[in-house]
Amino acid sequence: MGSNNSDRFETTGEYVASEELMNAVNIAIALQKPLLIKGEPGTGKTMLAQAVAASPGKKLIIWNIKSTTQAQDGLYVYDTVQRLYDSQFGESGVDDIAHYIKLGKLGEAFSSEEQVVLLIDEIDKADLEFPNDLLWELDQMEFYIHETRETVKAKQRPIVIITSNAEKELPDAFLRRCIFHYIEFPEPELMKEIVKSHFDSLEDKLLEEAMRTFYEIRSLRDIRKKPSTSELIDWINALMIGGIPVEEIYKKLPFVGVVLKKDEDLETLKNARKY
């Protein structure tokens, strides 16, 4: 089944996306496949899911992945401890196991009466088997609850967006089932649009000078943690709040700790400025 026009994702005043990214989102929606988004931290991967949900007014469900996260956590949890506690205190309904089944984020998305956007955020933080453990559920849009012998099927197939910071390679079998897009770091013209979307009013000269300095810092060869889009936005905000004159931005680098977060990177910048 294809998607109707109301499901199409388009760039908005709040989220500025490249044409390639918009196409990737819309192809994933039309083909009903998960969209895997990679890119360096701070390039707006998580915000993309928020924008895809906000555009047609769909609910956004976020499953934040940690190093300890198991695939089962996203399906359901059987709360045996609560059931044991209730049985000791003579609570009613203890025999109803279904009462102690708590749906995870994937289960919540499947159970929704309306189509939702499900964000599986930073999937590469989990162990290598995690993506493979979700293959059946993401393919078939269902899972089985052993304790109640019940199959939970998606009432409305969710729009699934998966993000990765490319910290580790994902399994081939998982990649085959996804539409893939890498968010390139924005070129200056696109960056201007992105930054302006975050401010009601922004002086052109301040934007130009901040961006010139920012891209020069990013271009330094030995910078270990290159500053991201979100750090440029924070820096411009700090410059505005601090009332910094435009001519001092490049020369004095005020609030540079908003842009660079590592001691060695600050030292690299300092050394580069000597020559």
C-alpha atoms as a PDB file:
ATOM      1  CA  MET A   1       0.000   0.000   0.000  1.00  0.00           C
ATOM      2  CA  GLY A   2       1.206   3.504  -0.780  1.00  0.00           C
ATOM      3  CA  SER A   3       0.777   6.546   1.391  1.00  0.00           C
ATOM      4  CA  ASN A   4      -1.628   9.349   0.652  1.00  0.00           C
ATOM      5  CA  ASN A   5      -0.510  12.922   0.137  1.00  0.00           C
ATOM      6  CA  SER A   6      -1.328  13.925   3.717  1.00  0.00           C
ATOM      7  CA  ASP A   7       1.415  11.569   4.900  1.00  0.00           C
ATOM      8  CA  ARG A   8       4.080  13.294   2.820  1.00  0.00           C
ATOM      9  CA  PHE A   9       6.846  14.952   4.761  1.00  0.00           C
ATOM     10  CA  GLU A  10       7.901  18.442   3.743  1.00  0.00           C
ATOM     11  CA  THR A  11      10.340  20.936   5.202  1.00  0.00           C
ATOM     12  CA  THR A  12       8.761  23.361   7.683  1.00  0.00           C
ATOM     13  CA  GLY A  13       9.641  26.616   9.387  1.00  0.00           C
ATOM     14  CA  GLU A  14      10.721  24.647  12.462  1.00  0.00           C
ATOM     15  CA  TYR A  15      12.741  21.925  10.689  1.00  0.00           C
ATOM     16  CA  VAL A  16      14.727  22.565   7.529  1.00  0.00           C
ATOM     17  CA  ALA A  17      15.556  19.378   5.597  1.00  0.00           C
ATOM     18  CA  SER A  18      17.478  18.838   2.390  1.00  0.00           C
ATOM     19  CA  GLU A  19      15.578  17.541  -0.642  1.00  0.00           C
ATOM     20  CA  GLU A  20      17.427  14.205  -0.404  1.00  0.00           C
ATOM     21  CA  LEU A  21      16.342  13.749   3.214  1.00  0.00           C
ATOM     22  CA  MET A  22      12.702  14.610   2.430  1.00  0.00           C
ATOM     23  CA  ASN A  23      12.756  12.077  -0.411  1.00  0.00           C
ATOM     24  CA  ALA A  24      14.187   9.379   1.872  1.00  0.00           C
ATOM     25  CA  VAL A  25      11.442   9.972   4.459  1.00  0.00           C
ATOM     26  CA  ASN A  26       8.673   9.852   1.871  1.00  0.00           C
ATOM     27  CA  ILE A  27      10.037   6.715   0.187  1.00  0.00           C
ATOM     28  CA  ALA A  28      10.237   4.956   3.560  1.00  0.00           C
ATOM     29  CA  ILE A  29       6.636   5.943   4.329  1.00  0.00           C
ATOM     30  CA  ALA A  30       5.417   4.808   0.893  1.00  0.00           C
ATOM     31  CA  LEU A  31       7.273   1.469   1.045  1.00  0.00           C
ATOM     32  CA  GLN A  32       6.335   0.980   4.721  1.00  0.00           C
ATOM     33  CA  LYS A  33       9.919   0.301   5.718  1.00  0.00           C
ATOM     34  CA  PRO A  34      11.954   1.608   8.651  1.00  0.00           C
ATOM     35  CA  LEU A  35      14.072   4.653   7.831  1.00  0.00           C
ATOM     36  CA  LEU A  36      17.619   4.352   9.192  1.00  0.00           C
ATOM     37  CA  ILE A  37      19.253   7.742   9.658  1.00  0.00           C
ATOM     38  CA  LYS A  38      22.978   8.040  10.264  1.00  0.00           C
ATOM     39  CA  GLY A  39      25.083  11.131  10.785  1.00  0.00           C
ATOM     40  CA  GLU A  40      27.415  12.736  13.269  1.00  0.00           C
ATOM     41  CA  PRO A  41      25.858  13.861  16.579  1.00  0.00           C
ATOM     42  CA  GLY A  42      24.006  17.172  16.441  1.00  0.00           C
ATOM     43  CA  THR A  43      22.849  16.995  12.809  1.00  0.00           C
ATOM     44  CA  GLY A  44      19.150  16.861  13.720  1.00  0.00           C
ATOM     45  CA  LYS A  45      18.442  13.115  13.523  1.00  0.00           C
ATOM     46  CA  THR A  46      16.153  13.070  16.558  1.00  0.00           C
ATOM     47  CA  MET A  47      14.486  16.342  15.534  1.00  0.00           C
ATOM     48  CA  LEU A  48      13.644  14.736  12.183  1.00  0.00           C
ATOM     49  CA  ALA A  49      11.303  12.250  13.889  1.00  0.00           C
ATOM     50  CA  GLN A  50       9.664  15.108  15.794  1.00  0.00           C
ATOM     51  CA  ALA A  51       9.121  16.987  12.515  1.00  0.00           C
ATOM     52  CA  VAL A  52       7.737  13.911  10.704  1.00  0.00           C
ATOM     53  CA  ALA A  53       5.217  13.438  13.528  1.00  0.00           C
ATOM     54  CA  ALA A  54       4.299  17.121  13.846  1.00  0.00           C
ATOM     55  CA  SER A  55       3.633  17.647  10.136  1.00  0.00           C
ATOM     56  CA  PRO A  56       0.403  15.560  10.003  1.00  0.00           C
ATOM     57  CA  GLY A  57      -0.205  15.747  13.768  1.00  0.00           C
ATOM     58  CA  LYS A  58       0.736  12.172  14.655  1.00  0.00           C
ATOM     59  CA  LYS A  59       1.806  10.994  18.094  1.00  0.00           C
ATOM     60  CA  LEU A  60       5.561  10.486  18.545  1.00  0.00           C
ATOM     61  CA  ILE A  61       6.747   7.532  20.630  1.00  0.00           C
ATOM     62  CA  ILE A  62      10.451   7.603  21.517  1.00  0.00           C
ATOM     63  CA  TRP A  63      12.407   4.494  22.470  1.00  0.00           C
ATOM     64  CA  ASN A  64      15.773   5.728  23.771  1.00  0.00           C
ATOM     65  CA  ILE A  65      18.337   2.950  23.413  1.00  0.00           C
ATOM     66  CA  LYS A  66      21.067   2.439  26.032  1.00  0.00           C
ATOM     67  CA  SER A  67      23.959  -0.021  26.260  1.00  0.00           C
ATOM     68  CA  THR A  68      21.842  -2.252  28.517  1.00  0.00           C
ATOM     69  CA  THR A  69      18.668  -2.172  26.369  1.00  0.00           C
ATOM     70  CA  GLN A  70      17.309  -5.523  25.174  1.00  0.00           C
ATOM     71  CA  ALA A  71      14.872  -5.995  22.297  1.00  0.00           C
ATOM     72  CA  GLN A  72      12.385  -7.529  24.732  1.00  0.00           C
ATOM     73  CA  ASP A  73      12.217  -4.189  26.604  1.00  0.00           C
ATOM     74  CA  GLY A  74      10.495  -2.637  23.605  1.00  0.00           C
ATOM     75  CA  LEU A  75       7.877  -5.387  23.343  1.00  0.00           C
ATOM     76  CA  TYR A  76       6.595  -6.043  26.851  1.00  0.00           C
ATOM     77  CA  VAL A  77       7.654  -6.789  30.408  1.00  0.00           C
ATOM     78  CA  TYR A  78       5.971  -9.309  32.711  1.00  0.00           C
ATOM     79  CA  ASP A  79       6.007  -7.725  36.183  1.00  0.00           C
ATOM     80  CA  THR A  80       6.442 -10.836  38.323  1.00  0.00           C
ATOM     81  CA  VAL A  81       7.615  -8.815  41.328  1.00  0.00           C
ATOM     82  CA  GLN A  82       4.386  -6.768  41.447  1.00  0.00           C
ATOM     83  CA  ARG A  83       2.290  -9.922  41.035  1.00  0.00           C
ATOM     84  CA  LEU A  84       4.118 -11.607  43.921  1.00  0.00           C
ATOM     85  CA  TYR A  85       3.714  -8.489  46.048  1.00  0.00           C
ATOM     86  CA  ASP A  86      -0.036  -8.327  45.302  1.00  0.00           C
ATOM     87  CA  SER A  87      -0.511 -12.028  46.084  1.00  0.00           C
ATOM     88  CA  GLN A  88       1.125 -11.596  49.495  1.00  0.00           C
ATOM     89  CA  PHE A  89      -1.266  -8.792  50.386  1.00  0.00           C
ATOM     90  CA  GLY A  90      -4.359 -10.486  49.032  1.00  0.00           C
ATOM     91  CA  GLU A  91      -4.979  -8.062  46.190  1.00  0.00           C
ATOM     92  CA  SER A  92      -7.764  -9.033  43.784  1.00  0.00           C
ATOM     93  CA  GLY A  93      -7.000  -9.881  40.153  1.00  0.00           C
ATOM     94  CA  VAL A  94      -3.726 -11.675  40.887  1.00  0.00           C
ATOM     95  CA  ASP A  95      -4.826 -14.612  38.725  1.00  0.00           C
ATOM     96  CA  ASP A  96      -5.157 -12.320  35.692  1.00  0.00           C
ATOM     97  CA  ILE A  97      -1.649 -12.420  34.243  1.00  0.00           C
ATOM     98  CA  ALA A  98      -2.585  -9.853  31.592  1.00  0.00           C
ATOM     99  CA  HIS A  99      -2.863  -7.302  34.391  1.00  0.00           C
ATOM    100  CA  TYR A 100       0.908  -7.612  34.924  1.00  0.00           C
ATOM    101  CA  ILE A 101       1.949  -7.312  31.290  1.00  0.00           C
ATOM    102  CA  LYS A 102       3.382  -3.853  30.636  1.00  0.00           C
ATOM    103  CA  LEU A 103       3.853  -2.921  26.995  1.00  0.00           C
ATOM    104  CA  GLY A 104       7.150  -1.399  25.871  1.00  0.00           C
ATOM    105  CA  LYS A 105       7.517   1.375  23.299  1.00  0.00           C
ATOM    106  CA  LEU A 106       7.148  -0.974  20.316  1.00  0.00           C
ATOM    107  CA  GLY A 107       4.127  -2.589  21.920  1.00  0.00           C
ATOM    108  CA  GLU A 108       2.659   0.838  22.600  1.00  0.00           C
ATOM    109  CA  ALA A 109       3.114   1.803  18.932  1.00  0.00           C
ATOM    110  CA  PHE A 110       1.477  -1.431  17.746  1.00  0.00           C
ATOM    111  CA  SER A 111      -1.483  -1.007  20.110  1.00  0.00           C
ATOM    112  CA  SER A 112      -2.276   2.557  19.077  1.00  0.00           C
ATOM    113  CA  GLU A 113      -5.604   3.030  17.284  1.00  0.00           C
ATOM    114  CA  GLU A 114      -4.023   5.821  15.196  1.00  0.00           C
ATOM    115  CA  GLN A 115      -0.822   5.612  13.189  1.00  0.00           C
ATOM    116  CA  VAL A 116       2.126   6.888  15.231  1.00  0.00           C
ATOM    117  CA  VAL A 117       5.739   7.758  14.501  1.00  0.00           C
ATOM    118  CA  LEU A 118       8.102   5.453  16.414  1.00  0.00           C
ATOM    119  CA  LEU A 119      11.635   6.739  16.966  1.00  0.00           C
ATOM    120  CA  ILE A 120      14.224   4.101  17.913  1.00  0.00           C
ATOM    121  CA  ASP A 121      16.946   6.504  18.977  1.00  0.00           C
ATOM    122  CA  GLU A 122      20.671   5.654  18.848  1.00  0.00           C
ATOM    123  CA  ILE A 123      20.293   1.962  18.025  1.00  0.00           C
ATOM    124  CA  ASP A 124      24.068   1.540  17.821  1.00  0.00           C
ATOM    125  CA  LYS A 125      24.366   2.013  21.593  1.00  0.00           C
ATOM    126  CA  ALA A 126      22.953  -1.496  22.204  1.00  0.00           C
ATOM    127  CA  ASP A 127      24.865  -4.731  21.664  1.00  0.00           C
ATOM    128  CA  LEU A 128      25.308  -6.177  18.182  1.00  0.00           C
ATOM    129  CA  GLU A 129      22.458  -8.679  18.508  1.00  0.00           C
ATOM    130  CA  PHE A 130      19.867  -6.024  19.356  1.00  0.00           C
ATOM    131  CA  PRO A 131      18.938  -5.068  15.758  1.00  0.00           C
ATOM    132  CA  ASN A 132      18.691  -8.716  14.689  1.00  0.00           C
ATOM    133  CA  ASP A 133      16.398  -9.449  17.635  1.00  0.00           C
ATOM    134  CA  LEU A 134      13.888  -6.938  16.211  1.00  0.00           C
ATOM    135  CA  LEU A 135      13.835  -8.264  12.623  1.00  0.00           C
ATOM    136  CA  TRP A 136      10.624 -10.297  12.944  1.00  0.00           C
ATOM    137  CA  GLU A 137       8.720  -7.597  14.811  1.00  0.00           C
ATOM    138  CA  LEU A 138       9.666  -4.825  12.378  1.00  0.00           C
ATOM    139  CA  ASP A 139       8.977  -7.058   9.370  1.00  0.00           C
ATOM    140  CA  GLN A 140       5.700  -8.605  10.453  1.00  0.00           C
ATOM    141  CA  MET A 141       4.553  -5.807  12.786  1.00  0.00           C
ATOM    142  CA  GLU A 142       3.554  -8.289  15.478  1.00  0.00           C
ATOM    143  CA  PHE A 143       4.938 -10.128  18.503  1.00  0.00           C
ATOM    144  CA  TYR A 144       3.833 -12.959  20.796  1.00  0.00           C
ATOM    145  CA  ILE A 145       3.239 -12.657  24.553  1.00  0.00           C
ATOM    146  CA  HIS A 146       4.097 -16.112  25.930  1.00  0.00           C
ATOM    147  CA  GLU A 147       2.531 -15.573  29.353  1.00  0.00           C
ATOM    148  CA  THR A 148      -0.933 -14.825  27.943  1.00  0.00           C
ATOM    149  CA  ARG A 149      -0.543 -16.721  24.633  1.00  0.00           C
ATOM    150  CA  GLU A 150      -1.601 -13.587  22.821  1.00  0.00           C
ATOM    151  CA  THR A 151      -0.258 -12.118  19.573  1.00  0.00           C
ATOM    152  CA  VAL A 152      -0.063  -8.330  19.484  1.00  0.00           C
ATOM    153  CA  LYS A 153      -0.483  -7.074  15.915  1.00  0.00           C
ATOM    154  CA  ALA A 154      -0.074  -3.470  14.834  1.00  0.00           C
ATOM    155  CA  LYS A 155      -3.508  -1.891  14.437  1.00  0.00           C
ATOM    156  CA  GLN A 156      -1.907   0.797  12.259  1.00  0.00           C
ATOM    157  CA  ARG A 157       1.603   0.247  10.884  1.00  0.00           C
ATOM    158  CA  PRO A 158       3.789   2.885  12.581  1.00  0.00           C
ATOM    159  CA  ILE A 159       6.227   5.088  10.693  1.00  0.00           C
ATOM    160  CA  VAL A 160       9.538   3.831  12.084  1.00  0.00           C
ATOM    161  CA  ILE A 161      12.597   6.090  12.201  1.00  0.00           C
ATOM    162  CA  ILE A 162      15.848   4.645  13.547  1.00  0.00           C
ATOM    163  CA  THR A 163      18.881   6.784  14.314  1.00  0.00           C
ATOM    164  CA  SER A 164      22.530   5.792  14.583  1.00  0.00           C
ATOM    165  CA  ASN A 165      25.654   7.797  15.366  1.00  0.00           C
ATOM    166  CA  ALA A 166      27.651   5.212  13.375  1.00  0.00           C
ATOM    167  CA  GLU A 167      29.514   4.115  16.513  1.00  0.00           C
ATOM    168  CA  LYS A 168      29.366   0.502  15.328  1.00  0.00           C
ATOM    169  CA  GLU A 169      28.327  -1.371  12.196  1.00  0.00           C
ATOM    170  CA  LEU A 170      24.772  -2.722  12.071  1.00  0.00           C
ATOM    171  CA  PRO A 171      24.058  -6.288  10.824  1.00  0.00           C
ATOM    172  CA  ASP A 172      23.510  -6.778   7.080  1.00  0.00           C
ATOM    173  CA  ALA A 173      20.182  -8.572   7.609  1.00  0.00           C
ATOM    174  CA  PHE A 174      18.909  -5.524   9.496  1.00  0.00           C
ATOM    175  CA  LEU A 175      20.238  -3.044   6.930  1.00  0.00           C
ATOM    176  CA  ARG A 176      18.473  -4.928   4.095  1.00  0.00           C
ATOM    177  CA  ARG A 177      15.112  -4.173   5.680  1.00  0.00           C
ATOM    178  CA  CYS A 178      15.687  -0.431   6.019  1.00  0.00           C
ATOM    179  CA  ILE A 179      15.704   2.612   3.785  1.00  0.00           C
ATOM    180  CA  PHE A 180      19.024   4.304   4.542  1.00  0.00           C
ATOM    181  CA  HIS A 181      20.001   7.963   4.556  1.00  0.00           C
ATOM    182  CA  TYR A 182      23.171   9.633   5.798  1.00  0.00           C
ATOM    183  CA  ILE A 183      22.680  13.232   6.893  1.00  0.00           C
ATOM    184  CA  GLU A 184      25.672  15.102   5.508  1.00  0.00           C
ATOM    185  CA  PHE A 185      26.907  18.039   7.529  1.00  0.00           C
ATOM    186  CA  PRO A 186      25.058  21.083   6.116  1.00  0.00           C
ATOM    187  CA  GLU A 187      26.756  23.310   3.565  1.00  0.00           C
ATOM    188  CA  PRO A 188      26.719  27.024   4.528  1.00  0.00           C
ATOM    189  CA  GLU A 189      23.602  27.888   2.482  1.00  0.00           C
ATOM    190  CA  LEU A 190      21.495  25.148   4.096  1.00  0.00           C
ATOM    191  CA  MET A 191      23.031  25.931   7.478  1.00  0.00           C
ATOM    192  CA  LYS A 192      21.822  29.540   7.188  1.00  0.00           C
ATOM    193  CA  GLU A 193      18.249  28.304   6.703  1.00  0.00           C
ATOM    194  CA  ILE A 194      18.554  25.883   9.616  1.00  0.00           C
ATOM    195  CA  VAL A 195      19.933  28.518  11.981  1.00  0.00           C
ATOM    196  CA  LYS A 196      17.391  31.171  10.972  1.00  0.00           C
ATOM    197  CA  SER A 197      14.545  28.736  11.678  1.00  0.00           C
ATOM    198  CA  HIS A 198      15.599  28.802  15.365  1.00  0.00           C
ATOM    199  CA  PHE A 199      15.524  32.593  15.795  1.00  0.00           C
ATOM    200  CA  ASP A 200      12.740  35.141  15.445  1.00  0.00           C
ATOM    201  CA  SER A 201      15.239  37.819  14.466  1.00  0.00           C
ATOM    202  CA  LEU A 202      18.923  37.395  13.766  1.00  0.00           C
ATOM    203  CA  GLU A 203      21.288  40.063  12.465  1.00  0.00           C
ATOM    204  CA  ASP A 204      22.790  38.989   9.125  1.00  0.00           C
ATOM    205  CA  LYS A 205      26.277  40.244  10.023  1.00  0.00           C
ATOM    206  CA  LEU A 206      26.303  38.291  13.279  1.00  0.00           C
ATOM    207  CA  LEU A 207      25.172  35.133  11.463  1.00  0.00           C
ATOM    208  CA  GLU A 208      27.813  35.542   8.741  1.00  0.00           C
ATOM    209  CA  GLU A 209      30.635  36.150  11.215  1.00  0.00           C
ATOM    210  CA  ALA A 210      29.602  33.311  13.545  1.00  0.00           C
ATOM    211  CA  MET A 211      29.332  30.894  10.626  1.00  0.00           C
ATOM    212  CA  ARG A 212      32.677  31.949   9.140  1.00  0.00           C
ATOM    213  CA  THR A 213      34.371  31.315  12.484  1.00  0.00           C
ATOM    214  CA  PHE A 214      32.442  28.088  13.095  1.00  0.00           C
ATOM    215  CA  TYR A 215      33.344  26.504   9.732  1.00  0.00           C
ATOM    216  CA  GLU A 216      36.981  27.522  10.168  1.00  0.00           C
ATOM    217  CA  ILE A 217      37.070  25.745  13.539  1.00  0.00           C
ATOM    218  CA  ARG A 218      35.467  22.642  12.003  1.00  0.00           C
ATOM    219  CA  SER A 219      38.072  22.623   9.233  1.00  0.00           C
ATOM    220  CA  LEU A 220      41.033  22.363  11.644  1.00  0.00           C
ATOM    221  CA  ARG A 221      42.617  18.991  10.943  1.00  0.00           C
ATOM    222  CA  ASP A 222      43.310  17.900  14.520  1.00  0.00           C
ATOM    223  CA  ILE A 223      39.930  18.763  16.051  1.00  0.00           C
ATOM    224  CA  ARG A 224      38.721  15.542  17.716  1.00  0.00           C
ATOM    225  CA  LYS A 225      35.075  16.490  18.333  1.00  0.00           C
ATOM    226  CA  LYS A 226      33.942  18.700  15.501  1.00  0.00           C
ATOM    227  CA  PRO A 227      31.248  21.165  16.617  1.00  0.00           C
ATOM    228  CA  SER A 228      27.740  20.338  15.419  1.00  0.00           C
ATOM    229  CA  THR A 229      24.750  22.298  14.154  1.00  0.00           C
ATOM    230  CA  SER A 230      23.220  22.366  17.632  1.00  0.00           C
ATOM    231  CA  GLU A 231      26.432  23.861  19.038  1.00  0.00           C
ATOM    232  CA  LEU A 232      26.442  26.602  16.397  1.00  0.00           C
ATOM    233  CA  ILE A 233      22.848  27.476  17.346  1.00  0.00           C
ATOM    234  CA  ASP A 234      23.765  27.515  21.056  1.00  0.00           C
ATOM    235  CA  TRP A 235      26.806  29.681  20.320  1.00  0.00           C
ATOM    236  CA  ILE A 236      24.817  32.249  18.343  1.00  0.00           C
ATOM    237  CA  ASN A 237      22.302  32.321  21.178  1.00  0.00           C
ATOM    238  CA  ALA A 238      25.123  32.975  23.672  1.00  0.00           C
ATOM    239  CA  LEU A 239      26.584  35.730  21.467  1.00  0.00           C
ATOM    240  CA  MET A 240      23.174  37.428  21.270  1.00  0.00           C
ATOM    241  CA  ILE A 241      22.501  37.125  25.005  1.00  0.00           C
ATOM    242  CA  GLY A 242      25.997  38.405  25.776  1.00  0.00           C
ATOM    243  CA  GLY A 243      25.566  41.376  23.427  1.00  0.00           C
ATOM    244  CA  ILE A 244      28.905  40.615  21.777  1.00  0.00           C
ATOM    245  CA  PRO A 245      29.861  43.106  19.034  1.00  0.00           C
ATOM    246  CA  VAL A 246      30.106  41.417  15.626  1.00  0.00           C
ATOM    247  CA  GLU A 247      33.713  42.536  15.100  1.00  0.00           C
ATOM    248  CA  GLU A 248      34.814  40.660  18.247  1.00  0.00           C
ATOM    249  CA  ILE A 249      33.418  37.260  17.246  1.00  0.00           C
ATOM    250  CA  TYR A 250      36.229  36.108  14.959  1.00  0.00           C
ATOM    251  CA  LYS A 251      38.959  38.042  16.773  1.00  0.00           C
ATOM    252  CA  LYS A 252      38.247  37.132  20.412  1.00  0.00           C
ATOM    253  CA  LEU A 253      36.162  33.922  20.097  1.00  0.00           C
ATOM    254  CA  PRO A 254      33.844  34.713  23.040  1.00  0.00           C
ATOM    255  CA  PHE A 255      32.115  31.730  24.692  1.00  0.00           C
ATOM    256  CA  VAL A 256      34.194  29.307  22.591  1.00  0.00           C
ATOM    257  CA  GLY A 257      33.496  26.646  25.228  1.00  0.00           C
ATOM    258  CA  VAL A 258      29.981  26.423  23.776  1.00  0.00           C
ATOM    259  CA  VAL A 259      31.521  25.276  20.477  1.00  0.00           C
ATOM    260  CA  LEU A 260      34.431  23.102  21.602  1.00  0.00           C
ATOM    261  CA  LYS A 261      34.027  20.694  24.517  1.00  0.00           C
ATOM    262  CA  LYS A 262      37.453  19.026  24.783  1.00  0.00           C
ATOM    263  CA  ASP A 263      40.619  20.494  26.328  1.00  0.00           C
ATOM    264  CA  GLU A 264      42.779  19.196  23.477  1.00  0.00           C
ATOM    265  CA  ASP A 265      40.476  20.809  20.880  1.00  0.00           C
ATOM    266  CA  LEU A 266      40.718  24.174  22.640  1.00  0.00           C
ATOM    267  CA  GLU A 267      44.506  23.744  22.613  1.00  0.00           C
ATOM    268  CA  THR A 268      44.453  22.869  18.893  1.00  0.00           C
ATOM    269  CA  LEU A 269      42.476  26.036  18.168  1.00  0.00           C
ATOM    270  CA  LYS A 270      44.806  28.112  20.299  1.00  0.00           C
ATOM    271  CA  ASN A 271      47.871  26.758  18.470  1.00  0.00           C
ATOM    272  CA  ALA A 272      46.267  27.276  15.042  1.00  0.00           C
ATOM    273  CA  ARG A 273      45.644  30.918  15.916  1.00  0.00           C
ATOM    274  CA  LYS A 274      49.317  31.538  16.601  1.00  0.00           C
ATOM    275  CA  TYR A 275      50.221  31.175  12.933  1.00  0.00           C
END
